[in-house]
Protein backbone atom coordinates (compact mmCIF):
# COMPACT_ATOMS: atom_id res chain seq x y z
CA MET A 1 -29.15 19.09 9.33
CA LYS A 2 -28.10 19.62 5.72
CA ILE A 3 -24.44 18.78 5.01
CA LEU A 4 -22.23 20.02 2.19
CA LEU A 5 -18.81 18.45 1.70
CA PRO A 6 -16.77 20.44 -0.83
CA ALA A 7 -15.41 17.68 -3.07
CA VAL A 8 -12.17 17.82 -5.01
CA LEU A 9 -11.83 15.76 -8.11
CA ILE A 10 -8.58 14.37 -8.11
CA GLY A 11 -7.48 0.49 -19.39
CA CYS A 12 -3.67 1.47 -18.63
CA GLY A 13 -2.13 3.97 -20.97
CA LEU A 14 0.70 6.41 -21.49
CA SER A 15 -0.03 10.11 -21.23
CA THR A 16 1.45 11.98 -24.19
CA ALA A 17 0.69 15.40 -22.74
CA ILE A 18 1.75 17.04 -19.50
CA ASN A 19 -0.55 15.99 -16.69
CA THR A 20 -0.80 19.29 -14.81
CA ALA A 21 -2.63 17.63 -11.91
CA PHE A 22 0.48 15.65 -11.07
CA THR A 23 3.43 17.51 -12.55
CA GLN A 24 6.26 16.81 -10.15
CA ASN A 25 9.05 19.14 -9.05
CA TRP A 26 11.76 16.82 -7.79
CA THR A 27 14.28 18.10 -5.27
CA HIS A 28 17.60 16.58 -4.25
CA ALA A 29 17.19 15.37 -0.68
CA ALA A 30 19.53 16.81 1.95
CA THR A 31 21.53 13.56 2.18
CA PRO A 32 24.96 12.66 0.88
CA ASN A 33 25.23 10.29 -2.06
CA HIS A 34 25.10 6.65 -1.01
CA ILE A 35 24.32 3.27 -2.49
CA TRP A 36 20.71 3.56 -1.40
CA VAL A 37 18.87 0.24 -1.13
CA ALA A 38 15.63 0.98 0.76
CA VAL A 39 13.43 3.83 2.01
CA ALA A 40 10.23 4.00 4.06
CA SER A 41 7.99 6.68 5.55
CA SER A 42 5.12 7.23 7.90
CA ALA A 43 1.62 7.53 6.43
CA ASP A 44 1.78 11.29 6.36
CA GLY A 45 5.35 11.33 4.98
CA ARG A 46 6.69 13.30 7.94
CA LYS A 47 9.00 10.55 9.24
CA GLN A 48 11.36 8.91 6.76
CA VAL A 49 14.17 6.37 7.00
CA ALA A 50 16.63 5.61 4.21
CA LEU A 51 19.10 2.68 4.20
CA SER A 52 22.27 2.35 2.27
CA LEU A 53 24.61 -0.52 1.63
CA MET A 54 26.95 -1.55 4.47
CA TRP A 55 24.65 -0.52 7.38
CA SER A 56 24.47 3.28 6.94
CA TYR A 57 21.06 4.78 7.50
CA TYR A 58 19.53 8.25 7.78
CA ILE A 59 16.40 9.50 9.53
CA SER A 60 14.21 12.55 8.89
CA THR A 61 11.34 13.75 11.10
CA ASN A 62 10.34 16.83 9.05
CA PHE A 63 9.28 15.52 5.63
CA GLY A 64 12.87 15.14 4.47
CA ASP A 65 13.91 18.78 5.03
CA THR A 66 16.81 17.64 7.21
CA TRP A 67 18.35 14.23 7.84
CA THR A 68 20.33 12.73 10.66
CA SER A 69 22.95 10.06 10.16
CA ASN A 70 22.76 7.22 12.65
CA SER A 71 25.31 4.61 13.62
CA GLU A 72 24.58 1.16 12.31
CA PRO A 73 23.34 -1.33 14.95
CA GLN A 74 26.15 -3.19 16.69
CA ARG A 75 28.94 -2.32 14.30
CA GLY A 76 31.20 -5.23 13.56
CA THR A 77 28.98 -7.88 15.14
CA THR A 78 26.91 -8.73 12.03
CA ILE A 79 28.16 -9.51 8.57
CA GLY A 80 26.10 -8.15 5.68
CA SER A 81 24.20 -5.02 4.84
CA TRP A 82 20.72 -3.52 4.80
CA ASN A 83 18.31 -4.76 2.18
CA ALA A 84 14.71 -3.67 2.92
CA ILE A 85 12.64 -1.66 5.38
CA ALA A 86 8.98 -1.14 6.33
CA SER A 87 7.28 1.37 8.66
CA SER A 88 4.12 1.56 10.70
CA ALA A 89 1.67 4.37 9.90
CA ASP A 90 3.01 6.60 12.69
CA GLY A 91 6.62 6.00 11.73
CA ASN A 92 7.61 4.75 15.17
CA LYS A 93 7.77 1.00 14.50
CA LEU A 94 10.33 0.07 11.87
CA VAL A 95 11.53 -3.31 10.69
CA ALA A 96 14.56 -3.76 8.45
CA THR A 97 16.20 -6.76 6.88
CA SER A 98 19.74 -7.58 5.89
CA VAL A 99 21.14 -9.78 3.16
CA THR A 100 22.04 -12.24 5.93
CA SER A 101 19.59 -13.85 8.36
CA SER A 102 19.22 -10.71 10.45
CA ILE A 103 15.94 -8.83 10.93
CA TRP A 104 16.15 -5.62 12.94
CA ALA A 105 13.19 -3.96 14.71
CA SER A 106 12.84 -0.48 16.18
CA THR A 107 10.00 0.98 18.25
CA ASN A 108 11.35 4.54 18.42
CA GLY A 109 11.65 5.58 14.81
CA GLY A 110 15.07 4.05 14.24
CA LEU A 111 16.97 5.51 17.23
CA THR A 112 17.67 2.04 18.64
CA TRP A 113 17.31 -1.48 17.15
CA LEU A 114 17.02 -5.04 18.31
CA SER A 115 18.01 -7.99 16.12
CA ASN A 116 16.23 -11.25 15.49
CA ASN A 117 17.83 -14.00 13.44
CA VAL A 118 15.69 -16.51 11.55
CA PRO A 119 17.62 -19.77 11.05
CA GLY A 120 18.06 -20.99 7.54
CA VAL A 121 17.35 -17.66 5.84
CA TYR A 122 20.18 -16.35 3.70
CA ALA A 123 18.87 -13.43 1.71
CA TRP A 124 15.96 -11.33 2.85
CA LYS A 125 14.62 -9.49 -0.17
CA SER A 126 11.53 -7.59 1.00
CA ILE A 127 9.46 -6.86 4.10
CA ALA A 128 5.98 -5.37 4.73
CA SER A 129 4.14 -4.13 7.79
CA SER A 130 0.55 -3.57 8.86
CA ALA A 131 -0.37 0.01 9.69
CA ASP A 132 -0.05 -0.58 13.42
CA GLY A 133 3.32 -2.26 13.04
CA THR A 134 2.32 -5.52 14.74
CA LYS A 135 1.84 -7.80 11.73
CA LEU A 136 4.99 -8.23 9.64
CA VAL A 137 5.79 -10.43 6.69
CA ALA A 138 9.19 -10.99 5.02
CA VAL A 139 10.37 -12.94 2.03
CA ASP A 140 13.58 -14.92 1.61
CA GLY A 141 15.10 -14.42 -1.83
CA GLY A 142 16.10 -18.01 -1.95
CA TYR A 143 19.82 -18.10 -2.46
CA SER A 144 19.66 -21.44 -0.68
CA PRO A 145 18.96 -24.51 -2.89
CA GLY A 146 15.31 -24.73 -3.96
CA GLY A 147 14.45 -21.16 -3.16
CA GLY A 148 13.37 -19.35 -0.02
CA LEU A 149 10.24 -19.09 2.14
CA ILE A 150 7.94 -16.43 3.56
CA TYR A 151 7.92 -15.67 7.28
CA SER A 152 5.40 -13.68 9.34
CA SER A 153 5.29 -12.09 12.79
CA THR A 154 2.29 -10.95 14.83
CA ASN A 155 4.25 -9.23 17.62
CA SER A 156 6.24 -6.53 15.79
CA GLY A 157 9.11 -8.88 14.94
CA ILE A 158 9.84 -10.42 18.32
CA THR A 159 9.19 -13.89 16.94
CA TRP A 160 8.79 -15.21 13.41
CA THR A 161 6.87 -18.15 11.95
CA GLU A 162 7.28 -19.89 8.59
CA THR A 163 4.13 -19.51 6.47
CA SER A 164 2.64 -22.08 4.12
CA ALA A 165 4.11 -20.32 1.05
CA PRO A 166 6.10 -22.68 -1.23
CA ARG A 167 9.83 -22.38 -1.69
CA ASP A 168 10.60 -19.98 -4.49
CA TYR A 169 12.78 -17.09 -5.51
CA TRP A 170 10.78 -14.38 -3.77
CA SER A 171 11.53 -10.78 -4.70
CA SER A 172 8.87 -8.52 -3.17
CA ILE A 173 5.93 -8.52 -0.78
CA ALA A 174 3.17 -6.05 0.18
CA SER A 175 0.40 -5.95 2.79
CA SER A 176 -2.95 -4.35 3.33
CA ALA A 177 -3.17 -1.85 6.18
CA ASP A 178 -4.64 -4.46 8.55
CA GLY A 179 -2.14 -7.11 7.58
CA THR A 180 -4.79 -9.52 6.34
CA ARG A 181 -4.36 -9.37 2.57
CA LEU A 182 -0.86 -10.11 1.28
CA VAL A 183 0.63 -10.21 -2.20
CA ALA A 184 4.08 -11.62 -2.94
CA ALA A 185 6.06 -11.68 -6.15
CA VAL A 186 8.64 -14.12 -7.46
CA GLY A 187 11.59 -13.21 -9.64
CA ALA A 188 13.61 -15.42 -11.91
CA ASP A 189 16.45 -17.60 -10.62
CA HIS A 190 19.36 -16.12 -12.49
CA LYS A 191 21.62 -19.00 -11.43
CA SER A 192 19.50 -21.38 -13.49
CA PRO A 193 18.34 -20.16 -16.93
CA PHE A 194 15.89 -23.03 -17.15
CA HIS A 195 14.00 -22.09 -13.97
CA PRO A 196 10.36 -21.17 -14.66
CA LEU A 197 9.52 -17.47 -14.70
CA GLY A 198 8.24 -15.84 -11.49
CA ARG A 199 4.61 -15.76 -10.45
CA ILE A 200 2.51 -13.62 -8.10
CA TYR A 201 0.84 -15.14 -5.03
CA THR A 202 -1.94 -13.76 -2.84
CA SER A 203 -3.23 -14.50 0.64
CA THR A 204 -6.43 -13.30 2.35
CA ASN A 205 -5.60 -14.61 5.83
CA SER A 206 -2.22 -13.13 6.76
CA GLY A 207 -0.28 -15.83 4.97
CA GLU A 208 -1.97 -18.97 6.30
CA ILE A 209 -3.00 -19.96 2.76
CA TRP A 210 -1.45 -18.78 -0.49
CA GLU A 211 -2.87 -18.94 -3.99
CA VAL A 212 -1.24 -18.34 -7.35
CA SER A 213 -2.80 -15.39 -9.17
CA ASP A 214 -3.38 -15.30 -12.88
CA ALA A 215 -0.59 -12.74 -13.39
CA PRO A 216 1.65 -13.78 -16.27
CA SER A 217 4.98 -15.38 -15.49
CA ASN A 218 7.74 -12.78 -15.46
CA ASN A 219 10.80 -11.61 -13.56
CA TRP A 220 8.77 -9.66 -11.00
CA ALA A 221 10.88 -7.11 -9.12
CA SER A 222 8.43 -5.09 -7.02
CA ILE A 223 4.81 -5.10 -5.91
CA ALA A 224 2.63 -2.64 -3.95
CA SER A 225 -0.86 -2.70 -2.42
CA SER A 226 -3.56 -0.17 -1.55
CA ALA A 227 -4.64 0.01 2.08
CA ASP A 228 -7.53 -2.39 1.54
CA GLY A 229 -5.41 -4.84 -0.46
CA ILE A 230 -7.72 -4.62 -3.49
CA ARG A 231 -5.72 -2.49 -5.90
CA LEU A 232 -2.26 -3.80 -6.73
CA VAL A 233 0.57 -2.69 -8.97
CA ALA A 234 3.55 -4.87 -9.98
CA ALA A 235 6.74 -4.19 -11.85
CA ALA A 236 8.80 -6.69 -13.88
CA MET A 237 12.47 -6.48 -14.83
CA PRO A 238 13.94 -8.01 -17.95
CA GLY A 239 15.32 -11.48 -17.31
CA TYR A 240 16.99 -14.22 -19.30
CA VAL A 241 14.92 -17.30 -18.56
CA ASN A 242 14.20 -20.43 -20.58
CA ASN A 243 16.69 -19.21 -23.17
CA GLU A 244 14.83 -15.99 -23.94
CA TRP A 245 14.65 -12.49 -22.53
CA THR A 246 11.48 -11.49 -20.67
CA LYS A 247 10.09 -7.98 -21.07
CA SER A 248 10.00 -5.24 -18.50
CA ALA A 249 6.35 -4.34 -17.74
CA ILE A 250 3.90 -2.75 -15.29
CA TYR A 251 0.75 -4.69 -14.40
CA LEU A 252 -2.34 -3.67 -12.43
CA SER A 253 -5.05 -5.51 -10.54
CA THR A 254 -8.30 -4.05 -9.23
CA ASP A 255 -9.64 -7.20 -7.66
CA ALA A 256 -6.98 -8.22 -5.11
CA GLY A 257 -4.93 -10.13 -7.70
CA ALA A 258 -7.72 -12.20 -9.24
CA THR A 259 -7.06 -10.64 -12.66
CA TRP A 260 -4.25 -8.48 -14.03
CA THR A 261 -3.94 -5.93 -16.83
CA SER A 262 -0.79 -4.80 -18.57
CA CYS A 263 -0.12 -1.06 -18.85
CA THR A 264 1.03 0.49 -22.09
CA MET A 265 4.41 1.52 -20.74
CA PRO A 266 7.87 1.62 -22.31
CA GLU A 267 10.22 -1.26 -21.46
CA LEU A 268 12.56 0.59 -19.13
CA GLY A 269 13.72 -1.99 -16.61
CA TRP A 270 11.11 -1.24 -13.96
CA GLN A 271 12.67 -1.74 -10.55
CA SER A 272 10.22 -0.40 -7.95
CA VAL A 273 6.58 0.66 -7.58
CA ALA A 274 4.46 2.37 -4.91
CA ILE A 275 0.78 3.17 -4.53
CA SER A 276 -1.39 5.48 -2.45
CA ALA A 277 -3.77 4.16 0.24
CA ASP A 278 -6.81 4.47 -2.04
CA GLY A 279 -5.01 3.07 -5.07
CA THR A 280 -5.52 6.16 -7.25
CA ARG A 281 -1.93 7.46 -7.28
CA MET A 282 1.00 5.34 -8.40
CA ILE A 283 4.68 5.75 -9.08
CA ALA A 284 7.08 3.48 -10.97
CA ALA A 285 10.87 3.80 -11.09
CA SER A 286 13.33 2.36 -13.57
CA GLN A 287 16.94 1.28 -13.23
CA GLN A 288 17.46 3.07 -16.53
CA GLY A 289 16.79 6.46 -14.90
CA HIS A 290 13.07 7.01 -15.48
CA ILE A 291 10.20 7.75 -13.11
CA TYR A 292 6.55 7.67 -14.16
CA THR A 293 3.51 8.71 -12.13
CA SER A 294 -0.25 8.19 -12.38
CA THR A 295 -3.13 10.01 -10.66
CA ASP A 296 -6.00 7.93 -12.12
CA ALA A 297 -5.31 4.44 -10.78
CA GLY A 298 -2.86 3.63 -13.62
CA ALA A 299 -5.13 4.54 -16.53
CA ARG A 300 -2.59 7.15 -17.71
CA TRP A 301 1.08 7.58 -16.81
CA THR A 302 3.28 10.67 -17.08
CA SER A 303 7.05 10.75 -17.35
CA ASN A 304 8.75 12.90 -14.73
CA ASN A 305 11.80 15.07 -15.17
CA VAL A 306 14.43 13.41 -12.97
CA PRO A 307 18.20 12.82 -13.25
CA ASN A 308 19.39 9.69 -14.97
CA GLN A 309 20.13 7.34 -12.07
CA ASN A 310 19.60 3.71 -11.22
CA TRP A 311 16.43 4.25 -9.16
CA PHE A 312 16.19 1.30 -6.80
CA ALA A 313 13.76 2.14 -3.96
CA MET A 314 10.84 4.40 -3.23
CA THR A 315 8.12 5.29 -0.78
CA ALA A 316 4.94 7.30 -0.90
CA SER A 317 2.78 8.97 1.72
CA ALA A 318 -0.69 7.50 2.17
CA ASP A 319 -2.27 10.15 -0.03
CA GLY A 320 0.45 9.80 -2.67
CA ASN A 321 1.38 13.49 -2.56
CA HIS A 322 4.82 13.06 -0.94
CA LEU A 323 7.16 10.79 -2.93
CA VAL A 324 10.73 9.76 -2.21
CA VAL A 325 12.95 7.86 -4.64
CA ALA A 326 16.48 6.55 -3.97
CA ALA A 327 19.14 5.42 -6.39
CA VAL A 328 21.84 2.80 -6.02
CA THR A 329 24.14 4.57 -8.48
CA ASP A 330 24.05 7.45 -10.86
CA ALA A 331 24.62 7.19 -14.66
CA SER A 332 28.39 7.03 -14.09
CA LEU A 333 28.06 4.24 -11.52
CA ASN A 334 28.91 6.54 -8.65
CA PRO A 335 26.88 6.35 -5.42
CA GLY A 336 23.32 7.44 -6.06
CA SER A 337 21.17 10.31 -4.83
CA MET A 338 17.83 10.60 -3.08
CA TYR A 339 15.06 12.87 -4.46
CA ASP A 340 11.65 13.83 -3.21
CA ALA A 341 8.58 15.46 -4.74
CA TYR A 342 5.62 17.13 -3.09
CA THR A 343 2.17 18.03 -4.39
CA SER A 344 -0.17 20.06 -2.25
CA PRO A 345 -2.83 17.67 -0.93
CA MET A 346 -6.53 18.27 -1.75
CA PRO A 347 -8.23 15.67 0.46
CA LEU A 348 -11.62 14.35 -0.54
CA MET A 349 -13.87 14.11 2.49
CA LYS A 350 -16.40 11.34 2.91
CA LEU A 351 -19.41 11.35 5.20
CA THR A 352 -20.88 8.26 6.86
CA PRO A 353 -23.94 8.44 9.12
CA SER A 354 -23.78 6.23 12.22
CA GLY A 355 -26.74 6.26 14.54
CA GLY A 356 -27.24 9.86 15.56
CA SER A 357 -23.74 10.92 14.57
CA LEU A 358 -21.83 11.65 11.41
CA THR A 359 -18.26 10.53 10.65
CA LEU A 360 -16.09 12.66 8.34
CA ALA A 361 -13.12 10.87 6.89
CA TRP A 362 -10.20 11.56 4.51
CA ILE A 363 -6.93 9.86 3.69
CA VAL A 364 -4.23 11.01 6.07
CA PRO A 365 -2.64 13.90 4.17
CA ALA A 366 1.01 14.72 3.64
CA THR A 367 0.58 17.98 5.61
CA ASN A 368 -1.43 19.34 8.52
CA PHE A 369 -5.16 20.03 8.06
CA VAL A 370 -7.86 21.17 10.49
CA LEU A 371 -11.55 20.56 10.11
CA GLN A 372 -13.73 23.65 10.07
CA GLN A 373 -17.51 24.07 10.23
CA LYS A 374 -19.96 26.81 9.26
CA SER A 375 -23.72 27.19 8.82
CA ASP A 376 -23.35 28.93 5.41
CA LEU A 377 -20.78 29.39 2.66
CA ALA A 378 -19.75 32.95 3.43
CA THR A 379 -16.04 33.52 3.25
CA ALA A 380 -15.55 34.48 6.89
CA GLY A 381 -16.66 32.90 10.07
CA TRP A 382 -15.40 29.33 9.73
CA VAL A 383 -14.90 27.66 13.12
CA THR A 384 -12.12 25.13 13.71
CA LEU A 385 -13.35 22.05 15.49
CA THR A 386 -11.33 21.21 18.60
CA ASN A 387 -11.80 17.41 18.51
CA ARG A 388 -8.77 15.82 16.91
CA PRO A 389 -9.09 13.23 14.17
CA ARG A 390 -8.24 9.60 14.89
CA LEU A 391 -6.34 7.50 12.43
CA ASN A 392 -8.24 4.44 11.19
CA LEU A 393 -5.52 1.84 10.81
CA THR A 394 -7.59 -0.33 8.48
CA ASN A 395 -7.80 2.25 5.68
CA LEU A 396 -5.29 4.98 6.69
CA GLN A 397 -7.98 7.63 6.92
CA ASP A 398 -8.31 10.39 9.49
CA GLU A 399 -11.75 10.37 11.01
CA ILE A 400 -13.80 12.81 13.13
CA THR A 401 -17.29 12.10 14.50
CA VAL A 402 -19.63 15.09 14.82
CA SER A 403 -23.15 15.45 16.21
CA PRO A 404 -25.57 16.98 13.69
CA ASN A 405 -28.13 19.64 14.57
CA ALA A 406 -31.22 20.96 12.85
CA ALA A 407 -29.41 23.75 11.00
CA ASN A 408 -27.39 23.65 7.78
CA GLY A 409 -23.87 22.43 8.19
CA PHE A 410 -20.85 22.92 5.91
CA PHE A 411 -17.45 21.35 6.52
CA ARG A 412 -14.04 22.00 4.99
CA LEU A 413 -10.43 21.03 5.49
CA LYS A 414 -7.98 23.88 5.84
CA SER A 415 -4.20 23.49 5.74
CA GLN A 416 -2.28 24.96 8.63
């Protein structure tokens, strides 16, 4: 059987021309203005959850077209506010942290929540989840003396265990899709101007052992990982440490944090970053009102036309075609807005022979596709395969196994 897979082509630098392959049209999300602090989505971007200060949160199940306001869990029984959120690939398992010791877990997309307090933790800063939602990892920002620790869970947040990570002023953490490779960033301790600058740590065994990467010391604010944990992107904020100001910067790693490269980007107070499952698409947001995107693994970046707001949080679908950014405040220090952008997916299919079968795979797209087959390339006559794709939770790819025959075979993905 001869197979044809119609392929689509999809050093850090700054693009000076319009990148038509990733020109974004940003739309104000159908949510009221809030002090937005965190946002997460399912792998396909269909299910989204946004958290604001003082326990308010909103849920969307239709790519952000409409949103539903939900009551905060157990109003009046917990002091504090939301701080971070992570989602499983299907959007059903959510885990959110507060600025107090509370961690909240949901197994139904945020309709109901259960709390779990971790003693001795005072300021959860960031949380990450494996694709199946079972392996979780959260960092304590370290408002307690000496800094905070990193905790992990292997049962969707029912119980938590302190990892071997050292005490430090942790700011952000990210996980590979299988929860094995972790990367955690440290910010500067602003209460002590003589505290050393933050570092970036990595783990290849779900947090059992941590190693310091060769990333330069900086006031790291956000970090993101591809599905395999190999491609990383990190953002640093300006910080006054050791009697001097550090620079805002974006750094990339293509070897799981072994080495890092600085991007040629303006110093705009980078606050948050996100990355697609394959590491080719990236987005960086600034507290100074700027959003930059890349479609070539960070080689070139393009400035996007967005309102001037203090962009604080973001999320991206697995293919990087559906983006959501949320702001704490606008330019006048009023509650911020939420915006989203959508680019029509053009999935690249891959074929892998396995015994007498063939597996077709593509990153789970931010829309619905069906797989079609035909014996020639004539316009008409494509047949939609009835077997449904399965989601591979180790790489966030949809997969379908087919049995080849002696004739020619052509496959394509068609949007519904």
